[in-house]
Amino acid sequence: MKDGASAMNAKATITQAKVSEKAQAATARSHDERDLAHERGKAKVAAAEMELHQAKVVHREEAMEHRLHKHTHGHNKDNKHGGGH
């Protein structure tokens, strides 16, 4: 679920970056300004994609930690109440 929300957020950011790039390129007065607008757009898209990948890593780590904690908690409970293996 978290990955889906992160993906939607990243796609929105990417779309905003592309729209901004096109607007800047359209109002550019020179070829160099147009090229600079394209470079800025590429950088914003790359940053959004990087944030998405980082968010996915955090979500995976949280899921793994949750499973590990859940698994460990069950064993501690058995040992605490004398129900060993």
Protein backbone atom coordinates (compact mmCIF):
# COMPACT_ATOMS: atom_id res chain seq x y z
CA MET A 1 0.00 0.00 0.00
CA LYS A 2 2.78 2.41 0.89
CA ASP A 3 4.58 1.66 -2.38
CA GLY A 4 1.45 2.59 -4.31
CA ALA A 5 1.15 5.92 -2.52
CA SER A 6 4.85 6.63 -3.07
CA ALA A 7 4.52 5.75 -6.74
CA MET A 8 1.56 8.08 -7.16
CA ASN A 9 3.46 10.87 -5.43
CA ALA A 10 6.51 10.28 -7.62
CA LYS A 11 4.41 10.26 -10.80
CA ALA A 12 2.78 13.53 -9.77
CA THR A 13 6.20 15.07 -9.13
CA ILE A 14 7.49 13.79 -12.48
CA THR A 15 4.46 15.20 -14.27
CA GLN A 16 4.92 18.57 -12.57
CA ALA A 17 8.60 18.57 -13.56
CA LYS A 18 7.75 17.83 -17.19
CA VAL A 19 5.07 20.53 -17.31
CA SER A 20 7.47 23.02 -15.75
CA GLU A 21 10.17 22.02 -18.23
CA LYS A 22 7.83 22.53 -21.19
CA ALA A 23 6.69 25.91 -19.88
CA GLN A 24 10.26 27.06 -19.37
CA ALA A 25 11.29 25.77 -22.79
CA ALA A 26 8.33 27.51 -24.43
CA THR A 27 9.22 30.87 -22.86
CA ALA A 28 12.96 30.50 -23.42
CA ARG A 29 14.50 33.32 -25.40
CA SER A 30 17.49 31.41 -26.66
CA HIS A 31 18.54 27.90 -27.55
CA ASP A 32 20.75 27.79 -24.44
CA GLU A 33 17.82 28.67 -22.17
CA ARG A 34 15.77 25.92 -23.81
CA ASP A 35 18.56 23.40 -23.24
CA LEU A 36 18.85 24.52 -19.63
CA ALA A 37 15.10 24.02 -19.14
CA HIS A 38 15.41 20.47 -20.48
CA GLU A 39 18.34 19.74 -18.16
CA ARG A 40 16.42 21.06 -15.16
CA GLY A 41 13.47 18.88 -16.13
CA LYS A 42 15.67 15.80 -16.40
CA ALA A 43 17.21 16.54 -13.00
CA LYS A 44 13.79 16.92 -11.35
CA VAL A 45 12.56 13.66 -12.90
CA ALA A 46 15.70 11.83 -11.77
CA ALA A 47 15.30 13.23 -8.24
CA ALA A 48 11.66 12.08 -8.08
CA GLU A 49 12.63 8.59 -9.27
CA MET A 50 15.41 8.44 -6.70
CA GLU A 51 12.99 9.44 -3.93
CA LEU A 52 10.61 6.70 -5.07
CA HIS A 53 13.34 4.07 -4.89
CA GLN A 54 14.43 5.30 -1.46
CA ALA A 55 10.83 5.16 -0.22
CA LYS A 56 10.52 1.60 -1.50
CA VAL A 57 13.65 0.60 0.42
CA VAL A 58 12.28 2.17 3.61
CA HIS A 59 8.96 0.36 3.14
CA ARG A 60 10.73 -2.97 2.65
CA GLU A 61 12.87 -2.39 5.74
CA GLU A 62 9.79 -1.53 7.79
CA ALA A 63 8.01 -4.67 6.57
CA MET A 64 11.02 -6.84 7.37
CA GLU A 65 11.37 -5.26 10.82
CA HIS A 66 7.68 -5.79 11.50
CA ARG A 67 7.88 -9.45 10.52
CA LEU A 68 11.04 -9.96 12.56
CA HIS A 69 9.55 -8.23 15.60
CA LYS A 70 6.35 -10.22 15.27
CA HIS A 71 8.30 -13.46 14.96
CA THR A 72 10.64 -12.65 17.85
CA HIS A 73 7.80 -11.46 20.05
CA GLY A 74 6.10 -14.83 19.73
CA HIS A 75 9.21 -16.71 20.88
CA ASN A 76 9.80 -14.38 23.83
CA LYS A 77 6.25 -14.92 24.94
CA ASP A 78 6.73 -18.70 24.92
CA ASN A 79 9.94 -18.46 26.94
CA LYS A 80 8.47 -15.96 29.40
CA HIS A 81 5.58 -18.23 30.32
CA GLY A 82 7.59 -21.41 30.52
CA GLY A 83 6.31 -22.87 27.26
CA GLY A 84 9.69 -23.78 25.73
CA HIS A 85 10.45 -26.10 22.85
